[in-house]
C-alpha atoms as a PDB file:
ATOM      1  CA  UNK A   1     -31.913  25.521 -10.277  1.00  0.00           C
ATOM      2  CA  UNK A   2     -28.568  24.845 -11.274  1.00  0.00           C
ATOM      3  CA  UNK A   3     -27.520  21.754 -13.878  1.00  0.00           C
ATOM      4  CA  UNK A   4     -27.875  18.536 -12.855  1.00  0.00           C
ATOM      5  CA  UNK A   5     -24.811  16.721 -10.939  1.00  0.00           C
ATOM      6  CA  UNK A   6     -23.187  13.855 -11.417  1.00  0.00           C
ATOM      7  CA  UNK A   7     -22.637  12.187  -8.588  1.00  0.00           C
ATOM      8  CA  UNK A   8     -20.004  10.133  -7.313  1.00  0.00           C
ATOM      9  CA  UNK A   9     -18.630   7.714  -4.533  1.00  0.00           C
ATOM     10  CA  UNK A  10     -14.969   7.937  -3.494  1.00  0.00           C
ATOM     11  CA  UNK A  11     -13.278   5.233  -0.630  1.00  0.00           C
ATOM     12  CA  UNK A  12     -10.020   4.580   0.793  1.00  0.00           C
ATOM     13  CA  UNK A  13      -9.082   0.598   1.329  1.00  0.00           C
ATOM     14  CA  UNK A  14      -7.304  -0.597   4.502  1.00  0.00           C
ATOM     15  CA  UNK A  15      -6.762  -4.313   5.267  1.00  0.00           C
ATOM     16  CA  UNK A  16      -6.786  -4.510   8.957  1.00  0.00           C
ATOM     17  CA  UNK A  17      -5.027  -7.157  11.098  1.00  0.00           C
ATOM     18  CA  UNK A  18      -6.872  -7.680  14.208  1.00  0.00           C
ATOM     19  CA  UNK A  19      -7.731  -3.770  15.106  1.00  0.00           C
ATOM     20  CA  UNK A  20      -4.785  -2.533  13.368  1.00  0.00           C
ATOM     21  CA  UNK A  21      -4.232  -0.445  10.295  1.00  0.00           C
ATOM     22  CA  UNK A  22      -2.124  -2.752   8.191  1.00  0.00           C
ATOM     23  CA  UNK A  23      -2.031  -2.535   4.587  1.00  0.00           C
ATOM     24  CA  UNK A  24      -3.168   0.650   2.495  1.00  0.00           C
ATOM     25  CA  UNK A  25      -2.890   2.219  -0.700  1.00  0.00           C
ATOM     26  CA  UNK A  26       0.378   3.997   0.971  1.00  0.00           C
ATOM     27  CA  UNK A  27       1.653   0.993   2.222  1.00  0.00           C
ATOM     28  CA  UNK A  28       1.377  -0.938  -1.283  1.00  0.00           C
ATOM     29  CA  UNK A  29       3.009   1.838  -2.999  1.00  0.00           C
ATOM     30  CA  UNK A  30       6.254   1.452  -0.504  1.00  0.00           C
ATOM     31  CA  UNK A  31       5.996  -1.909  -0.752  1.00  0.00           C
ATOM     32  CA  UNK A  32       6.371  -1.750  -5.077  1.00  0.00           C
ATOM     33  CA  UNK A  33       9.043   1.096  -4.394  1.00  0.00           C
ATOM     34  CA  UNK A  34      11.265  -0.948  -2.606  1.00  0.00           C
ATOM     35  CA  UNK A  35      10.947  -4.080  -5.197  1.00  0.00           C
ATOM     36  CA  UNK A  36      11.495  -1.605  -7.606  1.00  0.00           C
ATOM     37  CA  UNK A  37      14.679  -0.234  -6.263  1.00  0.00           C
ATOM     38  CA  UNK A  38      15.997  -2.433  -3.611  1.00  0.00           C
ATOM     39  CA  UNK A  39      16.534  -0.067  -0.793  1.00  0.00           C
ATOM     40  CA  UNK A  40      13.856   1.886   1.776  1.00  0.00           C
ATOM     41  CA  UNK A  41      15.861   5.164   1.769  1.00  0.00           C
ATOM     42  CA  UNK A  42      15.323   5.263  -1.915  1.00  0.00           C
ATOM     43  CA  UNK A  43      11.885   4.221  -1.555  1.00  0.00           C
ATOM     44  CA  UNK A  44      11.329   7.039   0.604  1.00  0.00           C
ATOM     45  CA  UNK A  45      12.686   9.479  -1.272  1.00  0.00           C
ATOM     46  CA  UNK A  46      10.934   8.572  -4.189  1.00  0.00           C
ATOM     47  CA  UNK A  47       8.113   9.042  -2.418  1.00  0.00           C
ATOM     48  CA  UNK A  48       9.008  12.046  -0.460  1.00  0.00           C
ATOM     49  CA  UNK A  49       8.736  10.802   2.909  1.00  0.00           C
ATOM     50  CA  UNK A  50      11.549  10.706   5.482  1.00  0.00           C
ATOM     51  CA  UNK A  51      13.544   7.121   5.581  1.00  0.00           C
ATOM     52  CA  UNK A  52      12.051   7.328   9.548  1.00  0.00           C
ATOM     53  CA  UNK A  53       8.395   6.966   8.344  1.00  0.00           C
ATOM     54  CA  UNK A  54       9.394   4.789   5.978  1.00  0.00           C
ATOM     55  CA  UNK A  55      10.610   2.508   8.027  1.00  0.00           C
ATOM     56  CA  UNK A  56       8.183   2.656  10.684  1.00  0.00           C
ATOM     57  CA  UNK A  57       5.594   1.564   7.827  1.00  0.00           C
ATOM     58  CA  UNK A  58       8.015  -1.031   6.824  1.00  0.00           C
ATOM     59  CA  UNK A  59       8.023  -1.700  11.212  1.00  0.00           C
ATOM     60  CA  UNK A  60       4.496  -1.648  11.343  1.00  0.00           C
ATOM     61  CA  UNK A  61       3.532  -4.274   8.404  1.00  0.00           C
ATOM     62  CA  UNK A  62       5.913  -6.865   9.458  1.00  0.00           C
ATOM     63  CA  UNK A  63       4.711  -7.163  13.021  1.00  0.00           C
ATOM     64  CA  UNK A  64       0.952  -6.954  11.619  1.00  0.00           C
ATOM     65  CA  UNK A  65       1.328  -9.556   9.224  1.00  0.00           C
ATOM     66  CA  UNK A  66       1.658 -13.083   9.676  1.00  0.00           C
ATOM     67  CA  UNK A  67       4.726 -13.312   7.735  1.00  0.00           C
ATOM     68  CA  UNK A  68       7.458 -11.103   7.042  1.00  0.00           C
ATOM     69  CA  UNK A  69       6.744  -8.607   3.898  1.00  0.00           C
ATOM     70  CA  UNK A  70      10.078  -6.500   3.805  1.00  0.00           C
ATOM     71  CA  UNK A  71      13.622  -8.022   4.719  1.00  0.00           C
ATOM     72  CA  UNK A  72      16.205  -5.868   5.386  1.00  0.00           C
ATOM     73  CA  UNK A  73      19.530  -6.801   4.577  1.00  0.00           C
ATOM     74  CA  UNK A  74      23.205  -5.303   7.136  1.00  0.00           C
ATOM     75  CA  UNK A  75      25.154  -2.841   5.099  1.00  0.00           C
ATOM     76  CA  UNK A  76      29.236  -3.401   4.763  1.00  0.00           C
ATOM     77  CA  UNK A  77      30.748  -3.088   1.498  1.00  0.00           C
ATOM     78  CA  UNK A  78      28.100  -2.535  -0.795  1.00  0.00           C
ATOM     79  CA  UNK A  79      25.512  -1.170   1.645  1.00  0.00           C
ATOM     80  CA  UNK A  80      22.397  -2.078   2.759  1.00  0.00           C
ATOM     81  CA  UNK A  81      19.371  -2.594   1.279  1.00  0.00           C
ATOM     82  CA  UNK A  82      16.139  -3.951   1.103  1.00  0.00           C
ATOM     83  CA  UNK A  83      14.010  -6.443  -0.347  1.00  0.00           C
ATOM     84  CA  UNK A  84      10.158  -7.765  -0.941  1.00  0.00           C
ATOM     85  CA  UNK A  85       9.485 -11.307   0.575  1.00  0.00           C
ATOM     86  CA  UNK A  86       6.636 -13.852  -0.862  1.00  0.00           C
ATOM     87  CA  UNK A  87       4.236 -12.639   1.414  1.00  0.00           C
ATOM     88  CA  UNK A  88       4.814  -8.850   0.414  1.00  0.00           C
ATOM     89  CA  UNK A  89       4.329  -9.829  -2.941  1.00  0.00           C
ATOM     90  CA  UNK A  90       1.183 -11.266  -1.906  1.00  0.00           C
ATOM     91  CA  UNK A  91       0.246  -8.835   0.160  1.00  0.00           C
ATOM     92  CA  UNK A  92       0.844  -6.111  -3.226  1.00  0.00           C
ATOM     93  CA  UNK A  93      -1.349  -8.534  -5.431  1.00  0.00           C
ATOM     94  CA  UNK A  94      -4.453  -9.535  -3.036  1.00  0.00           C
ATOM     95  CA  UNK A  95      -4.301  -5.737  -2.514  1.00  0.00           C
ATOM     96  CA  UNK A  96      -4.864  -4.397  -6.252  1.00  0.00           C
ATOM     97  CA  UNK A  97      -7.115  -7.819  -7.020  1.00  0.00           C
ATOM     98  CA  UNK A  98      -9.377  -6.642  -3.902  1.00  0.00           C
ATOM     99  CA  UNK A  99      -9.068  -2.710  -5.144  1.00  0.00           C
ATOM    100  CA  UNK A 100     -10.400  -3.575  -8.697  1.00  0.00           C
ATOM    101  CA  UNK A 101     -13.514  -5.367  -7.355  1.00  0.00           C
ATOM    102  CA  UNK A 102     -14.616  -2.389  -5.358  1.00  0.00           C
ATOM    103  CA  UNK A 103     -13.652  -0.172  -7.749  1.00  0.00           C
ATOM    104  CA  UNK A 104     -16.007  -2.168 -10.316  1.00  0.00           C
ATOM    105  CA  UNK A 105     -18.966  -2.600  -7.075  1.00  0.00           C
ATOM    106  CA  UNK A 106     -18.466   1.018  -6.886  1.00  0.00           C
ATOM    107  CA  UNK A 107     -18.913   2.498  -9.990  1.00  0.00           C
ATOM    108  CA  UNK A 108     -21.434   0.463 -11.451  1.00  0.00           C
ATOM    109  CA  UNK A 109     -23.589   1.400  -7.756  1.00  0.00           C
ATOM    110  CA  UNK A 110     -22.408   4.996  -8.817  1.00  0.00           C
ATOM    111  CA  UNK A 111     -24.766   5.415 -11.921  1.00  0.00           C
ATOM    112  CA  UNK A 112     -27.475   3.892 -10.172  1.00  0.00           C
ATOM    113  CA  UNK A 113     -27.272   7.272  -7.798  1.00  0.00           C
ATOM    114  CA  UNK A 114     -30.477   9.833  -7.917  1.00  0.00           C
ATOM    115  CA  UNK A 115     -30.157  12.445  -5.339  1.00  0.00           C
END
């Protein structure tokens, strides 16, 4: 018999709006990057994804949320941009709070595994 293995539990959190995926780790990261850089384009570059993919994620989040999470400003002399709304800030905070609670629960339950 080989050495005793240590088991752990892995999970991925998704918030759903009705039956549609709404908010997960990648989308929260996108919101945080938009907040940081003020641009969907630069946020997408920082995550190594296309602008189209990032814009699609923003569009889906905004359509699924009860309030707009990301506001776009149209380009002009200085170019356009994007910003996170108060609802977007709450979404980020609530996701991280929930994730921390689940992480603590999983860590405790993992200690009890006796397979």
